[in-house]
Amino acid sequence: MAGMETYDRMTTNHIVETGECYVVDDRSSKGSSNVTLWFGERSYGFKEIPDVAYGPGYVFTCRAIMTKQMQSGIDYELRSLDGELLYSTRSDD
């Protein structure tokens, strides 16, 4: 089950989405993002392409941070359904 929370980080509003998701490569479509994380019917675009196998057939436990106003991606991480960290855009993980 996906969860959503909002918080202020450095005076900028952010949305944090957690739950099961899958990743779709959308580099060939128009727009600024390279991949889209899908949480059920909600989706968010990110520039960083994961270096693990992904696509609609691969389900991850995800945590994604976006700006609240633009819903543009800032950071995300992909974990196995067992909780193992597989990919993260954050350098402190």
N, C-alpha and C. Protein backbone atom coordinates (compact mmCIF):
# COMPACT_ATOMS: atom_id res chain seq x y z
N MET A 1 0.84 -1.18 0.00
CA MET A 1 0.00 0.00 0.00
C MET A 1 0.89 1.24 0.00
N ALA A 2 0.63 2.14 -0.90
CA ALA A 2 1.44 3.35 -1.03
C ALA A 2 1.03 4.37 0.02
N GLY A 3 2.01 5.12 0.47
CA GLY A 3 1.75 6.18 1.43
C GLY A 3 2.31 7.48 0.91
N MET A 4 1.74 8.58 1.38
CA MET A 4 2.20 9.87 0.92
C MET A 4 2.29 10.80 2.10
N GLU A 5 3.33 11.61 2.15
CA GLU A 5 3.47 12.59 3.20
C GLU A 5 4.03 13.86 2.59
N THR A 6 3.79 14.98 3.24
CA THR A 6 4.36 16.23 2.78
C THR A 6 5.16 16.83 3.93
N TYR A 7 6.21 17.56 3.60
CA TYR A 7 7.02 18.21 4.62
C TYR A 7 7.81 19.34 3.99
N ASP A 8 8.32 20.23 4.82
CA ASP A 8 9.16 21.32 4.37
C ASP A 8 10.61 20.94 4.57
N ARG A 9 11.40 21.08 3.53
CA ARG A 9 12.85 20.83 3.62
C ARG A 9 13.53 22.05 3.02
N MET A 10 14.25 22.77 3.86
CA MET A 10 14.96 23.97 3.42
C MET A 10 13.98 24.97 2.79
N THR A 11 12.85 25.19 3.43
CA THR A 11 11.80 26.14 3.04
C THR A 11 11.13 25.82 1.71
N THR A 12 11.31 24.64 1.18
CA THR A 12 10.64 24.24 -0.05
C THR A 12 9.73 23.06 0.26
N ASN A 13 8.52 23.11 -0.21
CA ASN A 13 7.58 22.01 0.02
C ASN A 13 7.95 20.81 -0.83
N HIS A 14 7.87 19.64 -0.21
CA HIS A 14 8.16 18.39 -0.91
C HIS A 14 7.08 17.38 -0.62
N ILE A 15 6.95 16.42 -1.52
CA ILE A 15 6.07 15.27 -1.35
C ILE A 15 6.96 14.04 -1.28
N VAL A 16 6.66 13.14 -0.35
CA VAL A 16 7.36 11.86 -0.27
C VAL A 16 6.33 10.78 -0.54
N GLU A 17 6.61 9.95 -1.52
CA GLU A 17 5.72 8.83 -1.86
C GLU A 17 6.47 7.55 -1.55
N THR A 18 5.82 6.65 -0.84
CA THR A 18 6.41 5.35 -0.53
C THR A 18 5.42 4.25 -0.89
N GLY A 19 5.94 3.10 -1.20
CA GLY A 19 5.09 1.95 -1.51
C GLY A 19 5.65 1.18 -2.68
N GLU A 20 4.87 0.24 -3.17
CA GLU A 20 5.30 -0.55 -4.32
C GLU A 20 5.17 0.28 -5.59
N CYS A 21 6.18 0.15 -6.46
CA CYS A 21 6.15 0.89 -7.72
C CYS A 21 6.90 0.11 -8.78
N TYR A 22 6.77 0.58 -10.00
CA TYR A 22 7.62 0.08 -11.08
C TYR A 22 8.12 1.27 -11.87
N VAL A 23 9.17 1.04 -12.66
CA VAL A 23 9.87 2.11 -13.37
C VAL A 23 9.71 1.90 -14.87
N VAL A 24 9.38 2.99 -15.58
CA VAL A 24 9.23 2.94 -17.03
C VAL A 24 10.20 3.91 -17.67
N ASP A 25 10.91 3.47 -18.70
CA ASP A 25 11.83 4.32 -19.46
C ASP A 25 11.00 5.18 -20.40
N ASP A 26 11.08 6.50 -20.24
CA ASP A 26 10.32 7.38 -21.12
C ASP A 26 11.22 8.37 -21.85
N ARG A 27 12.46 8.00 -22.07
CA ARG A 27 13.40 8.89 -22.75
C ARG A 27 12.98 9.21 -24.17
N SER A 28 12.20 8.33 -24.78
CA SER A 28 11.81 8.58 -26.17
C SER A 28 10.60 9.51 -26.27
N SER A 29 9.90 9.72 -25.16
CA SER A 29 8.74 10.61 -25.21
C SER A 29 9.17 12.05 -24.95
N LYS A 30 8.30 12.98 -25.27
CA LYS A 30 8.62 14.39 -25.04
C LYS A 30 8.49 14.69 -23.56
N GLY A 31 9.32 15.58 -23.07
CA GLY A 31 9.30 15.94 -21.66
C GLY A 31 10.72 15.96 -21.12
N SER A 32 10.84 16.36 -19.87
CA SER A 32 12.17 16.54 -19.30
C SER A 32 12.66 15.34 -18.51
N SER A 33 11.79 14.38 -18.18
CA SER A 33 12.24 13.26 -17.37
C SER A 33 12.74 12.12 -18.25
N ASN A 34 13.55 11.25 -17.66
CA ASN A 34 14.07 10.09 -18.37
C ASN A 34 13.37 8.80 -17.98
N VAL A 35 12.94 8.70 -16.72
CA VAL A 35 12.19 7.55 -16.26
C VAL A 35 11.00 8.04 -15.45
N THR A 36 9.99 7.19 -15.37
CA THR A 36 8.80 7.50 -14.58
C THR A 36 8.61 6.39 -13.56
N LEU A 37 8.42 6.77 -12.29
CA LEU A 37 8.06 5.82 -11.25
C LEU A 37 6.55 5.82 -11.13
N TRP A 38 5.95 4.63 -11.24
CA TRP A 38 4.50 4.49 -11.15
C TRP A 38 4.13 3.85 -9.83
N PHE A 39 3.33 4.57 -9.04
CA PHE A 39 2.75 4.07 -7.80
C PHE A 39 1.26 3.90 -8.07
N GLY A 40 0.85 2.74 -8.53
CA GLY A 40 -0.54 2.56 -8.91
C GLY A 40 -0.89 3.49 -10.05
N GLU A 41 -1.83 4.39 -9.84
CA GLU A 41 -2.25 5.34 -10.87
C GLU A 41 -1.44 6.63 -10.86
N ARG A 42 -0.63 6.86 -9.83
CA ARG A 42 0.17 8.09 -9.73
C ARG A 42 1.56 7.84 -10.31
N SER A 43 2.08 8.85 -11.00
CA SER A 43 3.42 8.71 -11.59
C SER A 43 4.22 10.00 -11.39
N TYR A 44 5.53 9.83 -11.32
CA TYR A 44 6.44 10.96 -11.12
C TYR A 44 7.68 10.75 -11.99
N GLY A 45 8.14 11.82 -12.64
CA GLY A 45 9.29 11.72 -13.52
C GLY A 45 10.60 12.05 -12.82
N PHE A 46 11.66 11.33 -13.22
CA PHE A 46 13.01 11.54 -12.68
C PHE A 46 14.02 11.49 -13.82
N LYS A 47 15.12 12.16 -13.64
CA LYS A 47 16.17 12.18 -14.66
C LYS A 47 17.11 10.98 -14.57
N GLU A 48 17.39 10.51 -13.35
CA GLU A 48 18.37 9.44 -13.17
C GLU A 48 17.79 8.09 -13.54
N ILE A 49 18.51 7.37 -14.40
CA ILE A 49 18.07 6.06 -14.86
C ILE A 49 18.72 5.00 -13.96
N PRO A 50 17.95 4.09 -13.38
CA PRO A 50 18.53 3.10 -12.47
C PRO A 50 19.42 2.11 -13.21
N ASP A 51 20.42 1.61 -12.50
CA ASP A 51 21.33 0.62 -13.08
C ASP A 51 20.97 -0.79 -12.62
N VAL A 52 19.68 -1.06 -12.48
CA VAL A 52 19.16 -2.39 -12.18
C VAL A 52 18.07 -2.69 -13.20
N ALA A 53 17.74 -3.97 -13.35
CA ALA A 53 16.66 -4.34 -14.27
C ALA A 53 15.36 -3.70 -13.81
N TYR A 54 14.62 -3.09 -14.73
CA TYR A 54 13.38 -2.42 -14.37
C TYR A 54 12.40 -2.50 -15.52
N GLY A 55 11.19 -2.10 -15.27
CA GLY A 55 10.10 -2.12 -16.23
C GLY A 55 8.85 -2.58 -15.53
N PRO A 56 7.74 -2.63 -16.25
CA PRO A 56 6.47 -3.02 -15.61
C PRO A 56 6.49 -4.40 -14.96
N GLY A 57 7.37 -5.28 -15.37
CA GLY A 57 7.44 -6.61 -14.77
C GLY A 57 8.25 -6.67 -13.49
N TYR A 58 8.93 -5.58 -13.12
CA TYR A 58 9.77 -5.52 -11.93
C TYR A 58 9.14 -4.59 -10.91
N VAL A 59 8.71 -5.15 -9.79
CA VAL A 59 8.08 -4.35 -8.73
C VAL A 59 9.09 -4.13 -7.62
N PHE A 60 9.17 -2.89 -7.17
CA PHE A 60 10.09 -2.49 -6.11
C PHE A 60 9.32 -1.90 -4.94
N THR A 61 9.96 -1.86 -3.79
CA THR A 61 9.50 -1.01 -2.70
C THR A 61 10.22 0.31 -2.90
N CYS A 62 9.48 1.39 -3.09
CA CYS A 62 10.07 2.66 -3.52
C CYS A 62 9.85 3.76 -2.49
N ARG A 63 10.78 4.70 -2.53
CA ARG A 63 10.63 5.95 -1.79
C ARG A 63 11.08 7.05 -2.74
N ALA A 64 10.18 8.00 -3.02
CA ALA A 64 10.48 9.06 -3.97
C ALA A 64 10.17 10.41 -3.35
N ILE A 65 11.04 11.39 -3.62
CA ILE A 65 10.85 12.75 -3.13
C ILE A 65 10.69 13.66 -4.33
N MET A 66 9.60 14.45 -4.34
CA MET A 66 9.33 15.37 -5.44
C MET A 66 9.05 16.75 -4.87
N THR A 67 9.18 17.78 -5.71
CA THR A 67 8.72 19.10 -5.30
C THR A 67 7.21 19.08 -5.29
N LYS A 68 6.60 19.73 -4.33
CA LYS A 68 5.15 19.73 -4.21
C LYS A 68 4.50 20.52 -5.33
N GLN A 69 5.08 21.65 -5.71
CA GLN A 69 4.45 22.50 -6.70
C GLN A 69 4.50 21.90 -8.10
N MET A 70 5.64 21.41 -8.51
CA MET A 70 5.82 20.94 -9.88
C MET A 70 5.73 19.42 -10.01
N GLN A 71 5.73 18.70 -8.90
CA GLN A 71 5.79 17.24 -8.87
C GLN A 71 6.93 16.73 -9.73
N SER A 72 8.06 17.44 -9.67
CA SER A 72 9.24 16.99 -10.39
C SER A 72 10.14 16.23 -9.42
N GLY A 73 10.78 15.19 -9.92
CA GLY A 73 11.56 14.30 -9.07
C GLY A 73 12.83 14.93 -8.56
N ILE A 74 13.15 14.64 -7.31
CA ILE A 74 14.41 15.07 -6.70
C ILE A 74 15.28 13.85 -6.45
N ASP A 75 14.82 12.94 -5.59
CA ASP A 75 15.55 11.72 -5.26
C ASP A 75 14.59 10.55 -5.23
N TYR A 76 15.13 9.35 -5.49
CA TYR A 76 14.34 8.15 -5.28
C TYR A 76 15.25 6.98 -4.99
N GLU A 77 14.68 5.96 -4.35
CA GLU A 77 15.41 4.72 -4.11
C GLU A 77 14.49 3.56 -4.43
N LEU A 78 15.12 2.49 -4.90
CA LEU A 78 14.42 1.25 -5.21
C LEU A 78 14.96 0.17 -4.30
N ARG A 79 14.08 -0.53 -3.65
CA ARG A 79 14.45 -1.66 -2.78
C ARG A 79 13.73 -2.90 -3.27
N SER A 80 14.34 -4.05 -2.99
CA SER A 80 13.66 -5.30 -3.28
C SER A 80 12.45 -5.39 -2.36
N LEU A 81 11.54 -6.28 -2.66
CA LEU A 81 10.37 -6.44 -1.80
C LEU A 81 10.77 -6.95 -0.42
N ASP A 82 12.01 -7.51 -0.30
CA ASP A 82 12.54 -7.93 0.99
C ASP A 82 13.23 -6.80 1.73
N GLY A 83 13.36 -5.62 1.10
CA GLY A 83 13.95 -4.47 1.76
C GLY A 83 15.39 -4.17 1.41
N GLU A 84 16.03 -4.97 0.56
CA GLU A 84 17.42 -4.74 0.18
C GLU A 84 17.51 -3.53 -0.76
N LEU A 85 18.40 -2.59 -0.45
CA LEU A 85 18.58 -1.41 -1.31
C LEU A 85 19.22 -1.84 -2.62
N LEU A 86 18.55 -1.56 -3.73
CA LEU A 86 19.03 -1.92 -5.05
C LEU A 86 19.57 -0.72 -5.81
N TYR A 87 18.98 0.45 -5.61
CA TYR A 87 19.39 1.65 -6.33
C TYR A 87 18.94 2.87 -5.55
N SER A 88 19.79 3.89 -5.51
CA SER A 88 19.44 5.14 -4.86
C SER A 88 20.12 6.30 -5.57
N THR A 89 19.41 7.40 -5.73
CA THR A 89 20.01 8.60 -6.31
C THR A 89 20.68 9.44 -5.23
N ARG A 90 20.49 9.10 -3.97
CA ARG A 90 21.09 9.84 -2.87
C ARG A 90 22.48 9.30 -2.61
N SER A 91 23.44 10.18 -2.46
CA SER A 91 24.82 9.77 -2.25
C SER A 91 25.10 9.36 -0.82
N ASP A 92 24.20 9.68 0.14
CA ASP A 92 24.45 9.36 1.53
C ASP A 92 23.89 8.00 1.94
N ASP A 93 23.32 7.21 1.00
CA ASP A 93 22.79 5.90 1.33
C ASP A 93 23.85 4.83 1.22
